[in-house]
N, C-alpha and C. Protein backbone atom coordinates (compact mmCIF):
# COMPACT_ATOMS: atom_id res chain seq x y z
N MET A 1 31.37 -3.98 45.43
CA MET A 1 31.70 -3.97 44.03
C MET A 1 30.76 -4.90 43.25
N ARG A 2 30.50 -6.02 43.86
CA ARG A 2 29.63 -7.00 43.22
C ARG A 2 28.21 -6.46 43.12
N ARG A 3 27.78 -5.76 44.14
CA ARG A 3 26.44 -5.21 44.15
C ARG A 3 26.28 -4.14 43.07
N ILE A 4 27.25 -3.32 42.86
CA ILE A 4 27.23 -2.30 41.82
C ILE A 4 27.12 -2.96 40.44
N PHE A 5 27.85 -4.05 40.26
CA PHE A 5 27.82 -4.79 39.00
C PHE A 5 26.40 -5.29 38.71
N PHE A 6 25.74 -5.87 39.71
CA PHE A 6 24.39 -6.39 39.50
C PHE A 6 23.38 -5.27 39.25
N VAL A 7 23.54 -4.15 39.93
CA VAL A 7 22.65 -3.01 39.70
C VAL A 7 22.82 -2.50 38.28
N MET A 8 24.07 -2.39 37.82
CA MET A 8 24.33 -1.92 36.46
C MET A 8 23.76 -2.90 35.43
N MET A 9 23.87 -4.18 35.69
CA MET A 9 23.33 -5.20 34.77
C MET A 9 21.81 -5.10 34.70
N LYS A 10 21.16 -4.85 35.83
CA LYS A 10 19.71 -4.71 35.84
C LYS A 10 19.29 -3.48 35.04
N ILE A 11 20.00 -2.38 35.24
CA ILE A 11 19.68 -1.15 34.51
C ILE A 11 19.87 -1.36 33.02
N MET A 12 20.95 -2.00 32.63
CA MET A 12 21.21 -2.26 31.21
C MET A 12 20.17 -3.23 30.64
N SER A 13 19.79 -4.22 31.39
CA SER A 13 18.79 -5.18 30.92
C SER A 13 17.44 -4.51 30.71
N VAL A 14 17.03 -3.69 31.68
CA VAL A 14 15.76 -2.98 31.56
C VAL A 14 15.83 -2.00 30.39
N GLY A 15 16.95 -1.33 30.21
CA GLY A 15 17.11 -0.40 29.10
C GLY A 15 17.04 -1.10 27.76
N CYS A 16 17.71 -2.23 27.63
CA CYS A 16 17.66 -2.99 26.37
C CYS A 16 16.26 -3.51 26.10
N LEU A 17 15.59 -4.00 27.12
CA LEU A 17 14.24 -4.50 26.95
C LEU A 17 13.29 -3.37 26.54
N ALA A 18 13.41 -2.22 27.18
CA ALA A 18 12.57 -1.07 26.83
C ALA A 18 12.85 -0.62 25.40
N PHE A 19 14.11 -0.62 25.01
CA PHE A 19 14.48 -0.23 23.65
C PHE A 19 13.86 -1.17 22.63
N MET A 20 13.90 -2.46 22.87
CA MET A 20 13.35 -3.43 21.94
C MET A 20 11.83 -3.38 21.89
N LEU A 21 11.19 -3.16 23.00
CA LEU A 21 9.73 -3.15 23.04
C LEU A 21 9.13 -1.87 22.50
N THR A 22 9.89 -0.79 22.46
CA THR A 22 9.36 0.46 21.93
C THR A 22 9.76 0.67 20.49
N SER A 23 10.34 -0.31 19.87
CA SER A 23 10.74 -0.16 18.47
C SER A 23 9.51 -0.04 17.59
N CYS A 24 9.67 0.60 16.48
CA CYS A 24 8.57 0.81 15.54
C CYS A 24 8.99 0.26 14.19
N ALA A 25 8.87 -1.02 14.02
CA ALA A 25 9.23 -1.63 12.75
C ALA A 25 8.12 -1.36 11.75
N GLY A 26 8.43 -1.53 10.52
CA GLY A 26 7.45 -1.34 9.46
C GLY A 26 8.13 -0.84 8.22
N VAL A 27 7.33 -0.51 7.25
CA VAL A 27 7.83 -0.07 5.96
C VAL A 27 7.03 1.14 5.53
N LYS A 28 7.71 2.10 4.94
CA LYS A 28 7.04 3.27 4.42
C LYS A 28 7.04 3.17 2.89
N CYS A 29 5.87 3.32 2.28
CA CYS A 29 5.75 3.23 0.83
C CYS A 29 4.78 4.30 0.36
N SER A 30 5.15 5.05 -0.66
CA SER A 30 4.24 6.05 -1.21
C SER A 30 3.85 5.63 -2.63
N ILE A 31 2.59 5.84 -2.95
CA ILE A 31 2.03 5.42 -4.24
C ILE A 31 1.46 6.64 -4.94
N ASN A 32 1.74 6.77 -6.23
CA ASN A 32 1.10 7.83 -7.00
C ASN A 32 0.73 7.30 -8.38
N ALA A 33 -0.23 7.97 -9.00
CA ALA A 33 -0.70 7.62 -10.34
C ALA A 33 -1.05 8.91 -11.08
N ASP A 34 -0.06 9.78 -11.21
CA ASP A 34 -0.29 11.10 -11.79
C ASP A 34 -0.45 11.09 -13.31
N ARG A 35 0.04 10.07 -13.97
CA ARG A 35 0.07 10.07 -15.43
C ARG A 35 -1.01 9.19 -16.07
N VAL A 36 -2.07 8.86 -15.36
CA VAL A 36 -3.15 8.05 -15.93
C VAL A 36 -4.09 8.98 -16.68
N ASP A 37 -4.40 8.61 -17.93
CA ASP A 37 -5.25 9.46 -18.78
C ASP A 37 -6.74 9.30 -18.49
N HIS A 38 -7.14 8.19 -17.92
CA HIS A 38 -8.54 7.88 -17.70
C HIS A 38 -8.90 8.11 -16.23
N PRO A 39 -10.20 8.23 -15.94
CA PRO A 39 -10.61 8.43 -14.54
C PRO A 39 -10.31 7.21 -13.67
N VAL A 40 -9.89 7.46 -12.44
CA VAL A 40 -9.65 6.42 -11.45
C VAL A 40 -10.38 6.85 -10.18
N SER A 41 -11.17 5.90 -9.62
CA SER A 41 -11.97 6.24 -8.46
C SER A 41 -11.93 5.11 -7.43
N PHE A 42 -12.01 5.48 -6.17
CA PHE A 42 -12.09 4.51 -5.09
C PHE A 42 -13.55 4.17 -4.77
N THR A 43 -14.47 4.71 -5.52
CA THR A 43 -15.90 4.47 -5.35
C THR A 43 -16.46 3.90 -6.65
N PRO A 44 -17.73 3.51 -6.68
CA PRO A 44 -18.31 3.03 -7.93
C PRO A 44 -18.75 4.15 -8.87
N CYS A 45 -18.40 5.39 -8.57
CA CYS A 45 -18.78 6.54 -9.40
C CYS A 45 -17.53 7.24 -9.94
N VAL A 46 -17.65 7.79 -11.14
CA VAL A 46 -16.58 8.60 -11.73
C VAL A 46 -17.22 9.82 -12.39
N TYR A 47 -16.41 10.82 -12.66
CA TYR A 47 -16.89 11.98 -13.41
C TYR A 47 -16.79 11.68 -14.90
N GLY A 48 -17.84 12.02 -15.64
CA GLY A 48 -17.84 11.86 -17.08
C GLY A 48 -17.12 13.02 -17.74
N ALA A 49 -17.08 13.00 -19.08
CA ALA A 49 -16.39 14.04 -19.83
C ALA A 49 -17.04 15.41 -19.65
N ALA A 50 -18.35 15.42 -19.43
CA ALA A 50 -19.08 16.68 -19.25
C ALA A 50 -19.08 17.15 -17.80
N GLY A 51 -18.42 16.41 -16.91
CA GLY A 51 -18.37 16.79 -15.51
C GLY A 51 -19.49 16.22 -14.68
N ASN A 52 -20.33 15.38 -15.29
CA ASN A 52 -21.43 14.77 -14.54
C ASN A 52 -20.94 13.50 -13.84
N VAL A 53 -21.62 13.15 -12.74
CA VAL A 53 -21.26 11.96 -11.98
C VAL A 53 -21.91 10.75 -12.65
N MET A 54 -21.10 9.73 -12.89
CA MET A 54 -21.60 8.52 -13.54
C MET A 54 -21.40 7.34 -12.60
N ARG A 55 -22.49 6.61 -12.34
CA ARG A 55 -22.43 5.42 -11.49
C ARG A 55 -22.24 4.21 -12.40
N VAL A 56 -21.32 3.34 -12.01
CA VAL A 56 -21.00 2.17 -12.80
C VAL A 56 -21.59 0.94 -12.12
N SER A 57 -22.23 0.09 -12.89
CA SER A 57 -22.81 -1.15 -12.34
C SER A 57 -21.87 -2.32 -12.61
N LYS A 58 -22.16 -3.44 -11.99
CA LYS A 58 -21.33 -4.65 -12.18
C LYS A 58 -21.36 -5.13 -13.63
N GLN A 59 -22.44 -4.85 -14.36
CA GLN A 59 -22.53 -5.28 -15.75
C GLN A 59 -21.55 -4.52 -16.64
N ASP A 60 -21.12 -3.35 -16.21
CA ASP A 60 -20.17 -2.55 -17.00
C ASP A 60 -18.72 -2.96 -16.74
N THR A 61 -18.49 -3.88 -15.81
CA THR A 61 -17.13 -4.29 -15.46
C THR A 61 -16.55 -5.19 -16.55
N LEU A 62 -15.39 -4.83 -17.03
CA LEU A 62 -14.70 -5.62 -18.06
C LEU A 62 -13.65 -6.55 -17.45
N LYS A 63 -13.03 -6.11 -16.37
CA LYS A 63 -11.92 -6.88 -15.80
C LYS A 63 -11.69 -6.44 -14.36
N HIS A 64 -11.36 -7.40 -13.52
CA HIS A 64 -10.91 -7.11 -12.16
C HIS A 64 -9.41 -7.39 -12.13
N PHE A 65 -8.63 -6.50 -11.52
CA PHE A 65 -7.18 -6.68 -11.51
C PHE A 65 -6.62 -6.55 -10.10
N LYS A 66 -5.45 -7.14 -9.90
CA LYS A 66 -4.68 -6.99 -8.67
C LYS A 66 -3.23 -6.73 -9.05
N ILE A 67 -2.60 -5.80 -8.34
CA ILE A 67 -1.19 -5.46 -8.53
C ILE A 67 -0.52 -5.60 -7.17
N TYR A 68 0.64 -6.24 -7.14
CA TYR A 68 1.36 -6.48 -5.89
C TYR A 68 2.74 -5.83 -5.93
N LYS A 69 3.18 -5.38 -4.78
CA LYS A 69 4.58 -4.94 -4.61
C LYS A 69 4.97 -5.21 -3.17
N ARG A 70 6.18 -5.70 -2.99
CA ARG A 70 6.71 -5.94 -1.66
C ARG A 70 7.77 -4.87 -1.37
N CYS A 71 7.58 -4.12 -0.31
CA CYS A 71 8.51 -3.06 0.09
C CYS A 71 9.30 -3.54 1.31
N TRP A 72 10.61 -3.36 1.27
CA TRP A 72 11.51 -3.82 2.34
C TRP A 72 12.19 -2.62 2.99
N ALA A 73 12.41 -2.72 4.31
CA ALA A 73 13.16 -1.71 5.06
C ALA A 73 13.77 -2.38 6.29
N MET A 74 14.71 -1.67 6.91
CA MET A 74 15.29 -2.17 8.15
C MET A 74 15.70 -0.99 9.02
N LEU A 75 16.14 -1.28 10.22
CA LEU A 75 16.50 -0.27 11.22
C LEU A 75 15.33 0.69 11.44
N TRP A 76 14.16 0.11 11.72
CA TRP A 76 12.95 0.87 12.01
C TRP A 76 12.64 1.89 10.92
N ARG A 77 12.60 1.46 9.71
CA ARG A 77 12.26 2.24 8.52
C ARG A 77 13.29 3.29 8.14
N SER A 78 14.44 3.34 8.78
CA SER A 78 15.41 4.37 8.42
C SER A 78 16.24 3.98 7.21
N VAL A 79 16.31 2.69 6.86
CA VAL A 79 17.05 2.23 5.69
C VAL A 79 16.08 1.50 4.77
N ASN A 80 15.80 2.10 3.61
CA ASN A 80 14.93 1.45 2.63
C ASN A 80 15.77 0.52 1.78
N ILE A 81 15.35 -0.73 1.67
CA ILE A 81 16.06 -1.69 0.85
C ILE A 81 15.54 -1.65 -0.58
N THR A 82 14.25 -1.42 -0.75
CA THR A 82 13.66 -1.29 -2.08
C THR A 82 13.28 0.17 -2.32
N ASN A 83 13.02 0.50 -3.58
CA ASN A 83 12.53 1.84 -3.90
C ASN A 83 11.09 1.92 -3.44
N ASN A 84 10.81 2.74 -2.47
CA ASN A 84 9.49 2.79 -1.87
C ASN A 84 8.60 3.89 -2.44
N ASN A 85 9.03 4.52 -3.52
CA ASN A 85 8.18 5.46 -4.25
C ASN A 85 7.66 4.71 -5.47
N TRP A 86 6.39 4.32 -5.43
CA TRP A 86 5.83 3.44 -6.44
C TRP A 86 4.87 4.21 -7.32
N ASP A 87 5.22 4.36 -8.60
CA ASP A 87 4.35 5.00 -9.58
C ASP A 87 3.59 3.91 -10.32
N ILE A 88 2.27 3.86 -10.15
CA ILE A 88 1.47 2.81 -10.76
C ILE A 88 0.75 3.28 -12.02
N SER A 89 1.12 4.44 -12.53
CA SER A 89 0.45 4.99 -13.72
C SER A 89 0.52 4.04 -14.90
N ASP A 90 1.70 3.53 -15.22
CA ASP A 90 1.85 2.63 -16.37
C ASP A 90 1.07 1.34 -16.18
N LYS A 91 1.06 0.81 -14.98
CA LYS A 91 0.34 -0.44 -14.72
C LYS A 91 -1.16 -0.24 -14.87
N LEU A 92 -1.69 0.88 -14.36
CA LEU A 92 -3.12 1.14 -14.50
C LEU A 92 -3.50 1.37 -15.96
N THR A 93 -2.67 2.10 -16.69
CA THR A 93 -2.92 2.32 -18.11
C THR A 93 -2.89 1.01 -18.88
N ARG A 94 -1.95 0.13 -18.55
CA ARG A 94 -1.86 -1.18 -19.20
C ARG A 94 -3.09 -2.03 -18.91
N GLU A 95 -3.58 -1.99 -17.67
CA GLU A 95 -4.78 -2.75 -17.32
C GLU A 95 -5.99 -2.25 -18.11
N MET A 96 -6.12 -0.93 -18.28
CA MET A 96 -7.25 -0.39 -19.03
C MET A 96 -7.14 -0.67 -20.52
N SER A 97 -5.94 -0.52 -21.08
CA SER A 97 -5.79 -0.72 -22.52
C SER A 97 -5.90 -2.19 -22.92
N SER A 98 -5.67 -3.13 -21.99
CA SER A 98 -5.76 -4.55 -22.34
C SER A 98 -7.19 -4.97 -22.67
N VAL A 99 -8.19 -4.25 -22.16
CA VAL A 99 -9.60 -4.59 -22.44
C VAL A 99 -10.37 -3.38 -22.99
N ASN A 100 -9.66 -2.34 -23.44
CA ASN A 100 -10.28 -1.12 -23.97
C ASN A 100 -11.26 -0.51 -22.98
N GLY A 101 -10.84 -0.39 -21.73
CA GLY A 101 -11.69 0.18 -20.69
C GLY A 101 -11.67 1.69 -20.71
N ASP A 102 -12.65 2.28 -20.05
CA ASP A 102 -12.77 3.73 -19.98
C ASP A 102 -12.38 4.32 -18.63
N ALA A 103 -12.43 3.51 -17.57
CA ALA A 103 -12.16 4.02 -16.22
C ALA A 103 -11.84 2.86 -15.30
N ILE A 104 -11.30 3.20 -14.13
CA ILE A 104 -11.09 2.23 -13.06
C ILE A 104 -11.91 2.70 -11.87
N VAL A 105 -12.71 1.78 -11.32
CA VAL A 105 -13.55 2.10 -10.16
C VAL A 105 -13.30 1.07 -9.08
N ASN A 106 -13.81 1.37 -7.90
CA ASN A 106 -13.69 0.48 -6.73
C ASN A 106 -12.24 0.11 -6.44
N MET A 107 -11.33 1.02 -6.66
CA MET A 107 -9.92 0.73 -6.40
C MET A 107 -9.65 0.73 -4.90
N THR A 108 -8.87 -0.23 -4.44
CA THR A 108 -8.48 -0.31 -3.04
C THR A 108 -6.98 -0.48 -2.94
N VAL A 109 -6.41 0.05 -1.87
CA VAL A 109 -4.98 -0.09 -1.58
C VAL A 109 -4.88 -0.68 -0.18
N LEU A 110 -4.16 -1.79 -0.07
CA LEU A 110 -4.06 -2.50 1.19
C LEU A 110 -2.60 -2.81 1.48
N SER A 111 -2.17 -2.57 2.69
CA SER A 111 -0.82 -2.94 3.14
C SER A 111 -0.95 -4.16 4.03
N GLN A 112 -0.29 -5.24 3.63
CA GLN A 112 -0.39 -6.49 4.38
C GLN A 112 0.94 -6.85 5.01
N GLY A 113 0.94 -7.07 6.29
CA GLY A 113 2.10 -7.60 6.99
C GLY A 113 1.78 -9.00 7.46
N ASP A 114 2.75 -9.67 8.02
CA ASP A 114 2.50 -11.02 8.53
C ASP A 114 3.29 -11.24 9.81
N TRP A 115 3.46 -12.47 10.20
CA TRP A 115 4.11 -12.81 11.45
C TRP A 115 5.55 -12.30 11.50
N TRP A 116 6.19 -12.07 10.40
CA TRP A 116 7.59 -11.63 10.37
C TRP A 116 7.77 -10.29 11.08
N TRP A 117 6.72 -9.45 11.05
CA TRP A 117 6.82 -8.13 11.67
C TRP A 117 7.10 -8.23 13.16
N TYR A 118 6.50 -9.18 13.83
CA TYR A 118 6.70 -9.32 15.27
C TYR A 118 8.15 -9.66 15.59
N PHE A 119 8.77 -10.44 14.74
CA PHE A 119 10.16 -10.84 14.95
C PHE A 119 11.12 -9.71 14.58
N SER A 120 10.86 -9.06 13.45
CA SER A 120 11.78 -8.01 13.00
C SER A 120 11.70 -6.74 13.84
N SER A 121 10.60 -6.53 14.55
CA SER A 121 10.52 -5.33 15.38
C SER A 121 11.39 -5.42 16.62
N LEU A 122 11.73 -6.64 17.02
CA LEU A 122 12.60 -6.79 18.19
C LEU A 122 14.08 -6.62 17.84
N LEU A 123 14.45 -6.98 16.64
CA LEU A 123 15.83 -6.85 16.19
C LEU A 123 15.88 -5.97 14.95
N PRO A 124 16.29 -4.73 15.08
CA PRO A 124 16.19 -3.79 13.96
C PRO A 124 17.13 -4.10 12.79
N ILE A 125 18.10 -4.97 12.97
CA ILE A 125 19.00 -5.28 11.86
C ILE A 125 18.40 -6.33 10.93
N ILE A 126 17.25 -6.89 11.29
CA ILE A 126 16.57 -7.85 10.43
C ILE A 126 15.61 -7.07 9.53
N PRO A 127 15.70 -7.25 8.22
CA PRO A 127 14.79 -6.52 7.31
C PRO A 127 13.33 -6.89 7.54
N ASP A 128 12.47 -5.92 7.32
CA ASP A 128 11.03 -6.10 7.45
C ASP A 128 10.40 -5.77 6.10
N TYR A 129 9.27 -6.38 5.81
CA TYR A 129 8.58 -6.09 4.56
C TYR A 129 7.07 -6.03 4.76
N HIS A 130 6.44 -5.33 3.85
CA HIS A 130 4.99 -5.30 3.75
C HIS A 130 4.64 -5.49 2.28
N THR A 131 3.56 -6.19 2.04
CA THR A 131 3.08 -6.38 0.68
C THR A 131 1.96 -5.38 0.44
N ILE A 132 2.11 -4.58 -0.61
CA ILE A 132 1.09 -3.62 -1.00
C ILE A 132 0.24 -4.27 -2.09
N VAL A 133 -1.06 -4.31 -1.88
CA VAL A 133 -1.99 -4.91 -2.85
C VAL A 133 -2.94 -3.81 -3.33
N ILE A 134 -2.95 -3.61 -4.64
CA ILE A 134 -3.87 -2.65 -5.25
C ILE A 134 -4.79 -3.43 -6.16
N GLU A 135 -6.09 -3.23 -6.00
CA GLU A 135 -7.03 -3.91 -6.87
C GLU A 135 -8.16 -2.98 -7.23
N GLY A 136 -8.80 -3.30 -8.35
CA GLY A 136 -9.90 -2.48 -8.83
C GLY A 136 -10.59 -3.12 -10.01
N ASP A 137 -11.57 -2.41 -10.54
CA ASP A 137 -12.34 -2.90 -11.68
C ASP A 137 -12.17 -1.96 -12.86
N VAL A 138 -11.84 -2.53 -14.01
CA VAL A 138 -11.80 -1.76 -15.25
C VAL A 138 -13.19 -1.83 -15.85
N VAL A 139 -13.75 -0.67 -16.19
CA VAL A 139 -15.14 -0.61 -16.66
C VAL A 139 -15.25 0.17 -17.96
N ARG A 140 -16.37 -0.05 -18.62
CA ARG A 140 -16.74 0.73 -19.79
C ARG A 140 -17.86 1.66 -19.36
N LEU A 141 -17.71 2.95 -19.64
CA LEU A 141 -18.72 3.93 -19.24
C LEU A 141 -19.82 4.00 -20.29
N GLN A 142 -21.05 4.10 -19.84
CA GLN A 142 -22.20 4.20 -20.72
C GLN A 142 -22.89 5.52 -20.44
N SER A 143 -23.46 6.11 -21.47
CA SER A 143 -24.08 7.43 -21.28
C SER A 143 -25.31 7.35 -20.38
N GLU A 144 -25.99 6.19 -20.32
CA GLU A 144 -27.17 6.08 -19.44
C GLU A 144 -26.79 5.81 -18.00
N ALA A 145 -25.49 5.79 -17.66
CA ALA A 145 -25.06 5.52 -16.29
C ALA A 145 -25.06 6.77 -15.44
N LYS A 146 -25.68 7.84 -15.91
CA LYS A 146 -25.67 9.11 -15.18
C LYS A 146 -26.49 9.01 -13.90
N VAL A 147 -26.00 9.65 -12.86
CA VAL A 147 -26.72 9.72 -11.59
C VAL A 147 -27.52 11.02 -11.59
N LYS A 148 -28.80 10.92 -11.27
CA LYS A 148 -29.64 12.13 -11.29
C LYS A 148 -29.93 12.60 -9.90
């Protein structure tokens, strides 16, 4: 009887350990910017009004911006604590209108986690978060910036 008890304890221990080590903690966040009136690009080039490709130089940069959001979830992303559908249209429009810019270029989106992820992945009832960082340059387009 005692031997059966120890065998069952070993099986349960290995099962719990395997369950904790195969967990997939993290946060799911979707970003959209469907309502921006001006061009937005992840490169230093944008399309002009005539459909031509325009390259933007550092001299055309009016402002560099960063936008942050922290997204929270728990139980291996099955329970979202924050609204993880992030519409950045208004924020991008506000960044452009603050300096009368014509476009946003060199935009980057980065998801940053930290040491907390290692701890929260072992215990799914502990909330996990990631910080989403969006940055880019607001620029003024010039007609001589055309790429030939």
